[in-house]
Protein backbone atom coordinates (compact mmCIF):
# COMPACT_ATOMS: atom_id res chain seq x y z
CA MET A 1 -92.06 -156.69 55.04
CA VAL A 2 -94.64 -154.97 57.59
CA ALA A 3 -98.09 -157.29 58.17
CA SER A 4 -100.81 -155.25 58.61
CA VAL A 5 -103.64 -156.48 60.86
CA THR A 6 -106.31 -153.38 59.51
CA SER A 7 -106.17 -153.72 55.83
CA LEU A 8 -108.37 -155.97 53.90
CA GLY A 9 -106.01 -157.76 51.67
CA ARG A 10 -102.20 -159.28 52.96
CA ASN A 11 -100.25 -156.58 51.95
CA GLY A 12 -99.87 -153.82 48.96
CA LEU A 13 -100.39 -156.06 46.18
CA TYR A 14 -103.86 -157.68 47.77
CA ASP A 15 -105.19 -154.42 48.60
CA TRP A 16 -103.97 -153.22 44.50
CA LEU A 17 -106.06 -155.90 43.32
CA ILE A 18 -108.87 -155.45 44.97
CA GLN A 19 -108.75 -152.13 44.16
CA ARG A 20 -108.20 -152.94 40.53
CA VAL A 21 -111.55 -156.10 40.62
CA THR A 22 -113.83 -154.05 42.15
CA ALA A 23 -113.06 -150.93 40.07
CA VAL A 24 -113.77 -153.42 36.76
CA ILE A 25 -116.83 -154.29 38.40
CA LEU A 26 -118.03 -151.08 39.38
CA ALA A 27 -117.53 -149.48 35.85
CA SER A 28 -119.24 -152.20 34.46
CA TYR A 29 -122.31 -152.14 36.67
CA THR A 30 -122.16 -148.21 35.81
CA VAL A 31 -121.81 -148.69 32.23
CA PHE A 32 -124.46 -151.06 31.68
CA LEU A 33 -126.93 -149.22 34.03
CA LEU A 34 -126.45 -145.86 31.75
CA GLY A 35 -126.63 -148.33 28.78
CA TYR A 36 -130.08 -149.49 29.83
CA LEU A 37 -131.11 -145.72 30.45
CA VAL A 38 -130.00 -144.39 27.25
CA LEU A 39 -131.84 -147.55 25.62
CA SER A 40 -134.65 -146.73 27.19
CA PRO A 41 -135.96 -143.05 26.99
CA ASP A 42 -139.73 -143.70 28.29
CA LEU A 43 -138.97 -146.34 31.27
CA THR A 44 -141.58 -146.73 33.88
CA PHE A 45 -141.88 -148.00 36.81
CA ALA A 46 -143.06 -151.33 35.88
CA GLN A 47 -139.52 -151.43 33.53
CA TRP A 48 -136.81 -150.29 36.47
CA SER A 49 -138.73 -152.69 38.32
CA GLY A 50 -138.79 -155.65 36.22
CA LEU A 51 -135.10 -155.01 35.86
CA PHE A 52 -134.21 -155.29 39.27
CA GLY A 53 -136.76 -158.49 39.68
CA HIS A 54 -134.00 -160.52 37.71
CA THR A 55 -132.13 -162.75 39.99
CA ALA A 56 -129.23 -162.06 37.90
CA MET A 57 -129.86 -158.64 38.01
CA ARG A 58 -129.64 -159.00 42.07
CA ILE A 59 -126.94 -160.50 42.12
CA PHE A 60 -125.22 -157.98 39.57
CA SER A 61 -126.17 -155.48 42.07
CA LEU A 62 -125.26 -157.14 45.10
CA LEU A 63 -121.60 -157.57 43.66
CA ALA A 64 -121.82 -154.27 42.79
CA LEU A 65 -122.25 -153.22 46.50
CA LEU A 66 -120.07 -155.47 48.12
CA SER A 67 -117.53 -154.03 45.60
CA ILE A 68 -118.43 -150.42 46.43
CA GLY A 69 -117.52 -152.02 50.18
CA ALA A 70 -114.25 -153.49 49.39
CA HIS A 71 -113.52 -150.79 47.19
CA ALA A 72 -113.92 -147.73 50.05
CA TRP A 73 -113.06 -149.85 52.63
CA VAL A 74 -109.10 -149.79 51.37
CA GLY A 75 -109.45 -146.37 50.13
CA LEU A 76 -110.43 -145.24 53.30
CA TRP A 77 -108.21 -147.33 54.76
CA THR A 78 -104.97 -146.48 53.00
CA ILE A 79 -106.22 -142.36 53.59
CA SER A 80 -106.45 -143.01 57.34
CA THR A 81 -102.90 -144.73 57.71
CA ASP A 82 -101.10 -142.09 55.05
CA TYR A 83 -102.77 -139.23 56.85
CA ILE A 84 -103.70 -139.92 60.81
CA LYS A 85 -100.83 -140.60 62.87
CA PRO A 86 -101.91 -140.68 65.85
CA ALA A 87 -103.01 -144.69 66.22
CA GLY A 88 -105.78 -143.96 68.65
CA ILE A 89 -108.00 -141.75 66.13
CA ARG A 90 -106.82 -143.58 63.29
CA VAL A 91 -108.36 -146.60 65.02
CA CYS A 92 -111.65 -145.08 65.67
CA PHE A 93 -111.90 -143.67 61.78
CA GLN A 94 -111.27 -146.99 60.26
CA ALA A 95 -113.72 -148.39 63.43
CA ALA A 96 -116.23 -146.06 62.76
CA CYS A 97 -116.04 -146.28 58.74
CA GLY A 98 -115.93 -149.92 59.09
CA VAL A 99 -119.38 -150.06 60.71
CA VAL A 100 -120.46 -147.39 58.37
CA MET A 101 -119.83 -149.63 55.60
CA PHE A 102 -121.18 -152.72 57.15
CA ALA A 103 -124.70 -150.69 57.74
CA TYR A 104 -124.57 -149.51 54.33
CA VAL A 105 -124.34 -153.17 52.96
CA VAL A 106 -126.62 -154.60 55.11
CA TRP A 107 -129.61 -152.11 54.24
CA GLY A 108 -128.90 -152.25 50.51
CA VAL A 109 -128.69 -156.55 50.95
CA GLU A 110 -131.96 -155.21 52.86
CA ILE A 111 -133.36 -153.23 49.63
CA LEU A 112 -131.69 -155.68 46.79
CA TRP A 113 -133.52 -158.72 48.18
CA GLY A 114 -136.41 -157.28 50.38
CA LEU A 115 -135.91 -158.82 53.74
């Protein structure tokens, strides 16, 4: 078995599992938000702000944010290893993706928790 140092998981099974678990979390988050929007047709900013003011919703949103990062990393890593053959270009692409995803997660945490 080939060990990959750039993969999020230890092998393909872990990457597959990360993709599935994060997909379930993101689907649950999406269904919850869509349900909230449908059940609150006259939604005000105060209600929306109140929803995200609850600690449970912030934790759920943080979990969704981290899931987006992990899901995107596994997907982009797989795409880059499949389609970008020159090692230097692939490493630069993966590094750029990692930096962008890290920045998005930090930015999302800052927005979510008001840091």
